[in-house]
Amino acid sequence: MDVAVLGNEEFVIGFRLGGVKRTYVSHADAYERTILDLIADPTIGVLAIDSNDIDKLSPANRKKVMESIAPVVVMIGSKEGDLREKVKRAIGVDLYKT
């Protein structure tokens, strides 16, 4: 399973430099179609997206993306909470719980 990243050029460049091979630059007019194609791809295990881009989706598709299990969609950016909450939402378990 691959890790994929979807976002604007500035968002994905850091992931490219970090070695992520499957990066996709989003364009406003095709963002919704691109993300739906990516969550339907069985070779992607984790899809990282810019949290600012979630507003580009229709309510029905936003729900579909947010509830996706395969791949797990992880939103990164200023709209989401801390890393603990992201991990908890992505895998359903609070790994930091003592």
PDB file of N, CA and C in Angstrom:
ATOM      1  N   MET A   1       0.834  -1.172   0.000  1.00  0.00           N
ATOM      2  CA  MET A   1       0.000   0.000   0.000  1.00  0.00           C
ATOM      3  C   MET A   1       0.883   1.241   0.000  1.00  0.00           C
ATOM      4  N   ASP A   2       0.491   2.197  -0.804  1.00  0.00           N
ATOM      5  CA  ASP A   2       1.258   3.424  -0.963  1.00  0.00           C
ATOM      6  C   ASP A   2       0.694   4.552  -0.116  1.00  0.00           C
ATOM      7  N   VAL A   3       1.552   5.523   0.119  1.00  0.00           N
ATOM      8  CA  VAL A   3       1.141   6.789   0.717  1.00  0.00           C
ATOM      9  C   VAL A   3       1.029   7.777  -0.437  1.00  0.00           C
ATOM     10  N   ALA A   4      -0.061   8.503  -0.493  1.00  0.00           N
ATOM     11  CA  ALA A   4      -0.262   9.508  -1.534  1.00  0.00           C
ATOM     12  C   ALA A   4      -0.585  10.842  -0.865  1.00  0.00           C
ATOM     13  N   VAL A   5      -0.270  11.909  -1.568  1.00  0.00           N
ATOM     14  CA  VAL A   5      -0.502  13.258  -1.051  1.00  0.00           C
ATOM     15  C   VAL A   5      -1.209  14.069  -2.121  1.00  0.00           C
ATOM     16  N   LEU A   6      -2.236  14.808  -1.727  1.00  0.00           N
ATOM     17  CA  LEU A   6      -2.983  15.675  -2.636  1.00  0.00           C
ATOM     18  C   LEU A   6      -3.066  17.064  -2.029  1.00  0.00           C
ATOM     19  N   GLY A   7      -2.704  18.060  -2.817  1.00  0.00           N
ATOM     20  CA  GLY A   7      -2.771  19.442  -2.347  1.00  0.00           C
ATOM     21  C   GLY A   7      -2.176  20.380  -3.370  1.00  0.00           C
ATOM     22  N   ASN A   8      -1.972  21.618  -2.966  1.00  0.00           N
ATOM     23  CA  ASN A   8      -1.365  22.574  -3.894  1.00  0.00           C
ATOM     24  C   ASN A   8       0.140  22.318  -3.983  1.00  0.00           C
ATOM     25  N   GLU A   9       0.797  23.009  -4.888  1.00  0.00           N
ATOM     26  CA  GLU A   9       2.220  22.770  -5.142  1.00  0.00           C
ATOM     27  C   GLU A   9       3.068  22.936  -3.879  1.00  0.00           C
ATOM     28  N   GLU A  10       2.809  23.965  -3.094  1.00  0.00           N
ATOM     29  CA  GLU A  10       3.579  24.203  -1.879  1.00  0.00           C
ATOM     30  C   GLU A  10       3.369  23.095  -0.856  1.00  0.00           C
ATOM     31  N   PHE A  11       2.163  22.552  -0.805  1.00  0.00           N
ATOM     32  CA  PHE A  11       1.835  21.493   0.150  1.00  0.00           C
ATOM     33  C   PHE A  11       2.554  20.195  -0.202  1.00  0.00           C
ATOM     34  N   VAL A  12       2.531  19.817  -1.466  1.00  0.00           N
ATOM     35  CA  VAL A  12       3.088  18.515  -1.849  1.00  0.00           C
ATOM     36  C   VAL A  12       4.608  18.513  -1.980  1.00  0.00           C
ATOM     37  N   ILE A  13       5.229  19.659  -2.153  1.00  0.00           N
ATOM     38  CA  ILE A  13       6.671  19.675  -2.386  1.00  0.00           C
ATOM     39  C   ILE A  13       7.458  19.107  -1.206  1.00  0.00           C
ATOM     40  N   GLY A  14       7.033  19.393  -0.005  1.00  0.00           N
ATOM     41  CA  GLY A  14       7.714  18.845   1.165  1.00  0.00           C
ATOM     42  C   GLY A  14       7.638  17.330   1.213  1.00  0.00           C
ATOM     43  N   PHE A  15       6.515  16.791   0.812  1.00  0.00           N
ATOM     44  CA  PHE A  15       6.360  15.337   0.784  1.00  0.00           C
ATOM     45  C   PHE A  15       7.236  14.724  -0.311  1.00  0.00           C
ATOM     46  N   ARG A  16       7.323  15.407  -1.441  1.00  0.00           N
ATOM     47  CA  ARG A  16       8.213  14.929  -2.508  1.00  0.00           C
ATOM     48  C   ARG A  16       9.651  14.870  -2.015  1.00  0.00           C
ATOM     49  N   LEU A  17      10.072  15.931  -1.333  1.00  0.00           N
ATOM     50  CA  LEU A  17      11.432  15.970  -0.802  1.00  0.00           C
ATOM     51  C   LEU A  17      11.642  14.888   0.252  1.00  0.00           C
ATOM     52  N   GLY A  18      10.586  14.513   0.935  1.00  0.00           N
ATOM     53  CA  GLY A  18      10.659  13.463   1.947  1.00  0.00           C
ATOM     54  C   GLY A  18      10.594  12.061   1.371  1.00  0.00           C
ATOM     55  N   GLY A  19      10.439  11.946   0.063  1.00  0.00           N
ATOM     56  CA  GLY A  19      10.460  10.637  -0.573  1.00  0.00           C
ATOM     57  C   GLY A  19       9.118  10.062  -0.967  1.00  0.00           C
ATOM     58  N   VAL A  20       8.033  10.794  -0.743  1.00  0.00           N
ATOM     59  CA  VAL A  20       6.720  10.294  -1.168  1.00  0.00           C
ATOM     60  C   VAL A  20       6.644  10.413  -2.689  1.00  0.00           C
ATOM     61  N   LYS A  21       6.416   9.298  -3.339  1.00  0.00           N
ATOM     62  CA  LYS A  21       6.420   9.273  -4.804  1.00  0.00           C
ATOM     63  C   LYS A  21       5.070   9.630  -5.421  1.00  0.00           C
ATOM     64  N   ARG A  22       4.000   9.337  -4.714  1.00  0.00           N
ATOM     65  CA  ARG A  22       2.666   9.580  -5.268  1.00  0.00           C
ATOM     66  C   ARG A  22       2.118  10.895  -4.735  1.00  0.00           C
ATOM     67  N   THR A  23       2.493  11.975  -5.395  1.00  0.00           N
ATOM     68  CA  THR A  23       1.992  13.293  -5.028  1.00  0.00           C
ATOM     69  C   THR A  23       1.162  13.835  -6.178  1.00  0.00           C
ATOM     70  N   TYR A  24       0.093  14.497  -5.844  1.00  0.00           N
ATOM     71  CA  TYR A  24      -0.828  15.034  -6.837  1.00  0.00           C
ATOM     72  C   TYR A  24      -1.118  16.489  -6.505  1.00  0.00           C
ATOM     73  N   VAL A  25      -0.863  17.348  -7.471  1.00  0.00           N
ATOM     74  CA  VAL A  25      -1.146  18.770  -7.301  1.00  0.00           C
ATOM     75  C   VAL A  25      -2.603  18.993  -7.656  1.00  0.00           C
ATOM     76  N   SER A  26      -3.340  19.613  -6.740  1.00  0.00           N
ATOM     77  CA  SER A  26      -4.766  19.831  -6.958  1.00  0.00           C
ATOM     78  C   SER A  26      -5.010  21.131  -7.708  1.00  0.00           C
ATOM     79  N   HIS A  27      -6.003  21.088  -8.533  1.00  0.00           N
ATOM     80  CA  HIS A  27      -6.497  22.271  -9.238  1.00  0.00           C
ATOM     81  C   HIS A  27      -7.964  22.405  -8.843  1.00  0.00           C
ATOM     82  N   ALA A  28      -8.370  23.604  -8.530  1.00  0.00           N
ATOM     83  CA  ALA A  28      -9.713  23.834  -7.984  1.00  0.00           C
ATOM     84  C   ALA A  28     -10.822  23.215  -8.838  1.00  0.00           C
ATOM     85  N   ASP A  29     -10.691  23.289 -10.144  1.00  0.00           N
ATOM     86  CA  ASP A  29     -11.758  22.785 -11.008  1.00  0.00           C
ATOM     87  C   ASP A  29     -11.819  21.260 -11.069  1.00  0.00           C
ATOM     88  N   ALA A  30     -10.743  20.576 -10.706  1.00  0.00           N
ATOM     89  CA  ALA A  30     -10.718  19.115 -10.795  1.00  0.00           C
ATOM     90  C   ALA A  30     -10.456  18.443  -9.449  1.00  0.00           C
ATOM     91  N   TYR A  31     -10.459  19.206  -8.365  1.00  0.00           N
ATOM     92  CA  TYR A  31     -10.098  18.649  -7.062  1.00  0.00           C
ATOM     93  C   TYR A  31     -11.033  17.518  -6.638  1.00  0.00           C
ATOM     94  N   GLU A  32     -12.315  17.741  -6.765  1.00  0.00           N
ATOM     95  CA  GLU A  32     -13.285  16.749  -6.306  1.00  0.00           C
ATOM     96  C   GLU A  32     -13.131  15.433  -7.077  1.00  0.00           C
ATOM     97  N   ARG A  33     -12.990  15.520  -8.377  1.00  0.00           N
ATOM     98  CA  ARG A  33     -12.813  14.313  -9.186  1.00  0.00           C
ATOM     99  C   ARG A  33     -11.504  13.597  -8.826  1.00  0.00           C
ATOM    100  N   THR A  34     -10.445  14.374  -8.600  1.00  0.00           N
ATOM    101  CA  THR A  34      -9.146  13.786  -8.276  1.00  0.00           C
ATOM    102  C   THR A  34      -9.191  13.045  -6.945  1.00  0.00           C
ATOM    103  N   ILE A  35      -9.776  13.653  -5.928  1.00  0.00           N
ATOM    104  CA  ILE A  35      -9.804  12.993  -4.614  1.00  0.00           C
ATOM    105  C   ILE A  35     -10.685  11.748  -4.647  1.00  0.00           C
ATOM    106  N   LEU A  36     -11.785  11.782  -5.391  1.00  0.00           N
ATOM    107  CA  LEU A  36     -12.637  10.596  -5.498  1.00  0.00           C
ATOM    108  C   LEU A  36     -11.909   9.468  -6.223  1.00  0.00           C
ATOM    109  N   ASP A  37     -11.136   9.811  -7.240  1.00  0.00           N
ATOM    110  CA  ASP A  37     -10.327   8.806  -7.941  1.00  0.00           C
ATOM    111  C   ASP A  37      -9.286   8.199  -7.000  1.00  0.00           C
ATOM    112  N   LEU A  38      -8.674   9.044  -6.177  1.00  0.00           N
ATOM    113  CA  LEU A  38      -7.631   8.561  -5.271  1.00  0.00           C
ATOM    114  C   LEU A  38      -8.187   7.666  -4.166  1.00  0.00           C
ATOM    115  N   ILE A  39      -9.348   8.005  -3.612  1.00  0.00           N
ATOM    116  CA  ILE A  39      -9.886   7.140  -2.555  1.00  0.00           C
ATOM    117  C   ILE A  39     -10.456   5.838  -3.129  1.00  0.00           C
ATOM    118  N   ALA A  40     -10.664   5.787  -4.439  1.00  0.00           N
ATOM    119  CA  ALA A  40     -11.113   4.553  -5.077  1.00  0.00           C
ATOM    120  C   ALA A  40      -9.938   3.668  -5.511  1.00  0.00           C
ATOM    121  N   ASP A  41      -8.722   4.183  -5.428  1.00  0.00           N
ATOM    122  CA  ASP A  41      -7.525   3.452  -5.848  1.00  0.00           C
ATOM    123  C   ASP A  41      -7.137   2.441  -4.763  1.00  0.00           C
ATOM    124  N   PRO A  42      -7.203   1.134  -5.060  1.00  0.00           N
ATOM    125  CA  PRO A  42      -6.905   0.127  -4.041  1.00  0.00           C
ATOM    126  C   PRO A  42      -5.423   0.040  -3.651  1.00  0.00           C
ATOM    127  N   THR A  43      -4.549   0.699  -4.378  1.00  0.00           N
ATOM    128  CA  THR A  43      -3.126   0.648  -4.046  1.00  0.00           C
ATOM    129  C   THR A  43      -2.712   1.720  -3.056  1.00  0.00           C
ATOM    130  N   ILE A  44      -3.612   2.635  -2.714  1.00  0.00           N
ATOM    131  CA  ILE A  44      -3.309   3.701  -1.758  1.00  0.00           C
ATOM    132  C   ILE A  44      -3.828   3.301  -0.380  1.00  0.00           C
ATOM    133  N   GLY A  45      -2.939   3.328   0.616  1.00  0.00           N
ATOM    134  CA  GLY A  45      -3.311   2.994   1.984  1.00  0.00           C
ATOM    135  C   GLY A  45      -3.563   4.220   2.839  1.00  0.00           C
ATOM    136  N   VAL A  46      -2.797   5.287   2.570  1.00  0.00           N
ATOM    137  CA  VAL A  46      -2.939   6.539   3.305  1.00  0.00           C
ATOM    138  C   VAL A  46      -2.931   7.678   2.300  1.00  0.00           C
ATOM    139  N   LEU A  47      -3.908   8.550   2.418  1.00  0.00           N
ATOM    140  CA  LEU A  47      -3.983   9.733   1.559  1.00  0.00           C
ATOM    141  C   LEU A  47      -3.931  10.963   2.451  1.00  0.00           C
ATOM    142  N   ALA A  48      -2.865  11.746   2.312  1.00  0.00           N
ATOM    143  CA  ALA A  48      -2.734  12.991   3.063  1.00  0.00           C
ATOM    144  C   ALA A  48      -3.243  14.131   2.199  1.00  0.00           C
ATOM    145  N   ILE A  49      -4.108  14.960   2.781  1.00  0.00           N
ATOM    146  CA  ILE A  49      -4.637  16.108   2.046  1.00  0.00           C
ATOM    147  C   ILE A  49      -4.473  17.362   2.897  1.00  0.00           C
ATOM    148  N   ASP A  50      -4.474  18.487   2.227  1.00  0.00           N
ATOM    149  CA  ASP A  50      -4.422  19.780   2.897  1.00  0.00           C
ATOM    150  C   ASP A  50      -5.806  20.047   3.486  1.00  0.00           C
ATOM    151  N   SER A  51      -5.877  20.318   4.787  1.00  0.00           N
ATOM    152  CA  SER A  51      -7.177  20.518   5.427  1.00  0.00           C
ATOM    153  C   SER A  51      -7.929  21.712   4.863  1.00  0.00           C
ATOM    154  N   ASN A  52      -7.235  22.645   4.261  1.00  0.00           N
ATOM    155  CA  ASN A  52      -7.906  23.799   3.656  1.00  0.00           C
ATOM    156  C   ASN A  52      -8.699  23.409   2.413  1.00  0.00           C
ATOM    157  N   ASP A  53      -8.360  22.277   1.813  1.00  0.00           N
ATOM    158  CA  ASP A  53      -9.021  21.862   0.578  1.00  0.00           C
ATOM    159  C   ASP A  53     -10.327  21.105   0.799  1.00  0.00           C
ATOM    160  N   ILE A  54     -10.606  20.695   2.013  1.00  0.00           N
ATOM    161  CA  ILE A  54     -11.814  19.912   2.268  1.00  0.00           C
ATOM    162  C   ILE A  54     -13.080  20.707   1.935  1.00  0.00           C
ATOM    163  N   ASP A  55     -12.991  22.037   2.003  1.00  0.00           N
ATOM    164  CA  ASP A  55     -14.143  22.888   1.693  1.00  0.00           C
ATOM    165  C   ASP A  55     -14.483  22.901   0.205  1.00  0.00           C
ATOM    166  N   LYS A  56     -13.601  22.373  -0.627  1.00  0.00           N
ATOM    167  CA  LYS A  56     -13.849  22.319  -2.068  1.00  0.00           C
ATOM    168  C   LYS A  56     -14.798  21.186  -2.442  1.00  0.00           C
ATOM    169  N   LEU A  57     -15.111  20.325  -1.492  1.00  0.00           N
ATOM    170  CA  LEU A  57     -15.947  19.161  -1.771  1.00  0.00           C
ATOM    171  C   LEU A  57     -17.406  19.426  -1.448  1.00  0.00           C
ATOM    172  N   SER A  58     -18.283  18.748  -2.184  1.00  0.00           N
ATOM    173  CA  SER A  58     -19.709  18.812  -1.865  1.00  0.00           C
ATOM    174  C   SER A  58     -19.921  18.116  -0.523  1.00  0.00           C
ATOM    175  N   PRO A  59     -21.001  18.425   0.179  1.00  0.00           N
ATOM    176  CA  PRO A  59     -21.231  17.799   1.491  1.00  0.00           C
ATOM    177  C   PRO A  59     -21.227  16.264   1.444  1.00  0.00           C
ATOM    178  N   ALA A  60     -21.820  15.680   0.426  1.00  0.00           N
ATOM    179  CA  ALA A  60     -21.869  14.218   0.328  1.00  0.00           C
ATOM    180  C   ALA A  60     -20.474  13.633   0.126  1.00  0.00           C
ATOM    181  N   ASN A  61     -19.695  14.257  -0.744  1.00  0.00           N
ATOM    182  CA  ASN A  61     -18.347  13.751  -0.987  1.00  0.00           C
ATOM    183  C   ASN A  61     -17.410  14.061   0.172  1.00  0.00           C
ATOM    184  N   ARG A  62     -17.633  15.152   0.872  1.00  0.00           N
ATOM    185  CA  ARG A  62     -16.838  15.461   2.067  1.00  0.00           C
ATOM    186  C   ARG A  62     -17.030  14.357   3.107  1.00  0.00           C
ATOM    187  N   LYS A  63     -18.282  13.947   3.298  1.00  0.00           N
ATOM    188  CA  LYS A  63     -18.573  12.873   4.252  1.00  0.00           C
ATOM    189  C   LYS A  63     -17.906  11.574   3.814  1.00  0.00           C
ATOM    190  N   LYS A  64     -17.977  11.270   2.532  1.00  0.00           N
ATOM    191  CA  LYS A  64     -17.363  10.055   1.999  1.00  0.00           C
ATOM    192  C   LYS A  64     -15.853  10.050   2.246  1.00  0.00           C
ATOM    193  N   VAL A  65     -15.214  11.181   2.021  1.00  0.00           N
ATOM    194  CA  VAL A  65     -13.767  11.294   2.229  1.00  0.00           C
ATOM    195  C   VAL A  65     -13.430  11.185   3.709  1.00  0.00           C
ATOM    196  N   MET A  66     -14.177  11.883   4.553  1.00  0.00           N
ATOM    197  CA  MET A  66     -13.899  11.893   5.991  1.00  0.00           C
ATOM    198  C   MET A  66     -14.089  10.512   6.627  1.00  0.00           C
ATOM    199  N   GLU A  67     -14.993   9.716   6.071  1.00  0.00           N
ATOM    200  CA  GLU A  67     -15.272   8.405   6.643  1.00  0.00           C
ATOM    201  C   GLU A  67     -14.531   7.278   5.939  1.00  0.00           C
ATOM    202  N   SER A  68     -13.679   7.603   4.995  1.00  0.00           N
ATOM    203  CA  SER A  68     -12.946   6.585   4.251  1.00  0.00           C
ATOM    204  C   SER A  68     -12.028   5.788   5.178  1.00  0.00           C
ATOM    205  N   ILE A  69     -12.083   4.482   5.021  1.00  0.00           N
ATOM    206  CA  ILE A  69     -11.232   3.589   5.805  1.00  0.00           C
ATOM    207  C   ILE A  69     -10.074   3.088   4.954  1.00  0.00           C
ATOM    208  N   ALA A  70     -10.336   2.819   3.712  1.00  0.00           N
ATOM    209  CA  ALA A  70      -9.293   2.349   2.795  1.00  0.00           C
ATOM    210  C   ALA A  70      -9.386   3.175   1.526  1.00  0.00           C
ATOM    211  N   PRO A  71      -8.576   4.166   1.367  1.00  0.00           N
ATOM    212  CA  PRO A  71      -7.454   4.548   2.217  1.00  0.00           C
ATOM    213  C   PRO A  71      -7.902   5.409   3.400  1.00  0.00           C
ATOM    214  N   VAL A  72      -7.036   5.465   4.388  1.00  0.00           N
ATOM    215  CA  VAL A  72      -7.241   6.385   5.500  1.00  0.00           C
ATOM    216  C   VAL A  72      -6.874   7.773   4.992  1.00  0.00           C
ATOM    217  N   VAL A  73      -7.776   8.727   5.143  1.00  0.00           N
ATOM    218  CA  VAL A  73      -7.518  10.097   4.708  1.00  0.00           C
ATOM    219  C   VAL A  73      -7.117  10.918   5.926  1.00  0.00           C
ATOM    220  N   VAL A  74      -5.927  11.484   5.867  1.00  0.00           N
ATOM    221  CA  VAL A  74      -5.399  12.279   6.971  1.00  0.00           C
ATOM    222  C   VAL A  74      -5.308  13.721   6.501  1.00  0.00           C
ATOM    223  N   MET A  75      -6.020  14.607   7.197  1.00  0.00           N
ATOM    224  CA  MET A  75      -5.978  16.028   6.855  1.00  0.00           C
ATOM    225  C   MET A  75      -4.866  16.700   7.642  1.00  0.00           C
ATOM    226  N   ILE A  76      -4.045  17.428   6.934  1.00  0.00           N
ATOM    227  CA  ILE A  76      -2.906  18.101   7.543  1.00  0.00           C
ATOM    228  C   ILE A  76      -3.038  19.591   7.286  1.00  0.00           C
ATOM    229  N   GLY A  77      -2.866  20.383   8.317  1.00  0.00           N
ATOM    230  CA  GLY A  77      -2.945  21.821   8.152  1.00  0.00           C
ATOM    231  C   GLY A  77      -3.555  22.487   9.357  1.00  0.00           C
ATOM    232  N   SER A  78      -3.854  23.751   9.200  1.00  0.00           N
ATOM    233  CA  SER A  78      -4.280  24.579  10.324  1.00  0.00           C
ATOM    234  C   SER A  78      -5.684  24.281  10.822  1.00  0.00           C
ATOM    235  N   LYS A  79      -6.538  23.675  10.027  1.00  0.00           N
ATOM    236  CA  LYS A  79      -7.916  23.448  10.465  1.00  0.00           C
ATOM    237  C   LYS A  79      -8.053  22.281  11.429  1.00  0.00           C
ATOM    238  N   GLU A  80      -7.137  21.352  11.392  1.00  0.00           N
ATOM    239  CA  GLU A  80      -7.228  20.173  12.237  1.00  0.00           C
ATOM    240  C   GLU A  80      -6.529  20.410  13.568  1.00  0.00           C
ATOM    241  N   GLY A  81      -6.869  19.583  14.540  1.00  0.00           N
ATOM    242  CA  GLY A  81      -6.280  19.685  15.867  1.00  0.00           C
ATOM    243  C   GLY A  81      -4.864  19.129  15.900  1.00  0.00           C
ATOM    244  N   ASP A  82      -4.449  18.708  17.060  1.00  0.00           N
ATOM    245  CA  ASP A  82      -3.092  18.218  17.221  1.00  0.00           C
ATOM    246  C   ASP A  82      -2.926  16.818  16.640  1.00  0.00           C
ATOM    247  N   LEU A  83      -1.680  16.343  16.626  1.00  0.00           N
ATOM    248  CA  LEU A  83      -1.360  15.049  16.037  1.00  0.00           C
ATOM    249  C   LEU A  83      -2.093  13.914  16.738  1.00  0.00           C
ATOM    250  N   ARG A  84      -2.265  14.025  18.035  1.00  0.00           N
ATOM    251  CA  ARG A  84      -2.973  12.984  18.784  1.00  0.00           C
ATOM    252  C   ARG A  84      -4.369  12.769  18.232  1.00  0.00           C
ATOM    253  N   GLU A  85      -5.087  13.846  17.985  1.00  0.00           N
ATOM    254  CA  GLU A  85      -6.442  13.743  17.450  1.00  0.00           C
ATOM    255  C   GLU A  85      -6.450  13.198  16.024  1.00  0.00           C
ATOM    256  N   LYS A  86      -5.459  13.561  15.224  1.00  0.00           N
ATOM    257  CA  LYS A  86      -5.377  13.056  13.852  1.00  0.00           C
ATOM    258  C   LYS A  86      -5.169  11.547  13.843  1.00  0.00           C
ATOM    259  N   VAL A  87      -4.266  11.067  14.683  1.00  0.00           N
ATOM    260  CA  VAL A  87      -4.000   9.627  14.753  1.00  0.00           C
ATOM    261  C   VAL A  87      -5.234   8.903  15.267  1.00  0.00           C
ATOM    262  N   LYS A  88      -5.870   9.450  16.278  1.00  0.00           N
ATOM    263  CA  LYS A  88      -7.070   8.831  16.842  1.00  0.00           C
ATOM    264  C   LYS A  88      -8.175   8.725  15.791  1.00  0.00           C
ATOM    265  N   ARG A  89      -8.364   9.791  15.003  1.00  0.00           N
ATOM    266  CA  ARG A  89      -9.386   9.759  13.962  1.00  0.00           C
ATOM    267  C   ARG A  89      -9.016   8.791  12.850  1.00  0.00           C
ATOM    268  N   ALA A  90      -7.745   8.733  12.511  1.00  0.00           N
ATOM    269  CA  ALA A  90      -7.314   7.893  11.391  1.00  0.00           C
ATOM    270  C   ALA A  90      -7.419   6.418  11.706  1.00  0.00           C
ATOM    271  N   ILE A  91      -7.029   6.006  12.916  1.00  0.00           N
ATOM    272  CA  ILE A  91      -7.012   4.579  13.211  1.00  0.00           C
ATOM    273  C   ILE A  91      -8.048   4.148  14.245  1.00  0.00           C
ATOM    274  N   GLY A  92      -8.714   5.112  14.873  1.00  0.00           N
ATOM    275  CA  GLY A  92      -9.771   4.804  15.809  1.00  0.00           C
ATOM    276  C   GLY A  92      -9.313   4.429  17.202  1.00  0.00           C
ATOM    277  N   VAL A  93      -8.024   4.612  17.486  1.00  0.00           N
ATOM    278  CA  VAL A  93      -7.484   4.250  18.788  1.00  0.00           C
ATOM    279  C   VAL A  93      -6.623   5.405  19.291  1.00  0.00           C
ATOM    280  N   ASP A  94      -6.746   5.714  20.570  1.00  0.00           N
ATOM    281  CA  ASP A  94      -5.915   6.749  21.171  1.00  0.00           C
ATOM    282  C   ASP A  94      -4.614   6.105  21.640  1.00  0.00           C
ATOM    283  N   LEU A  95      -3.565   6.215  20.837  1.00  0.00           N
ATOM    284  CA  LEU A  95      -2.289   5.585  21.152  1.00  0.00           C
ATOM    285  C   LEU A  95      -1.592   6.229  22.333  1.00  0.00           C
ATOM    286  N   TYR A  96      -1.948   7.465  22.648  1.00  0.00           N
ATOM    287  CA  TYR A  96      -1.295   8.184  23.737  1.00  0.00           C
ATOM    288  C   TYR A  96      -1.968   7.970  25.080  1.00  0.00           C
ATOM    289  N   LYS A  97      -3.078   7.248  25.090  1.00  0.00           N
ATOM    290  CA  LYS A  97      -3.829   7.052  26.315  1.00  0.00           C
ATOM    291  C   LYS A  97      -3.016   6.211  27.294  1.00  0.00           C
ATOM    292  N   THR A  98      -2.968   6.652  28.531  1.00  0.00           N
ATOM    293  CA  THR A  98      -2.203   5.913  29.538  1.00  0.00           C
ATOM    294  C   THR A  98      -3.098   5.119  30.458  1.00  0.00           C
TER     295      THR A  98
END
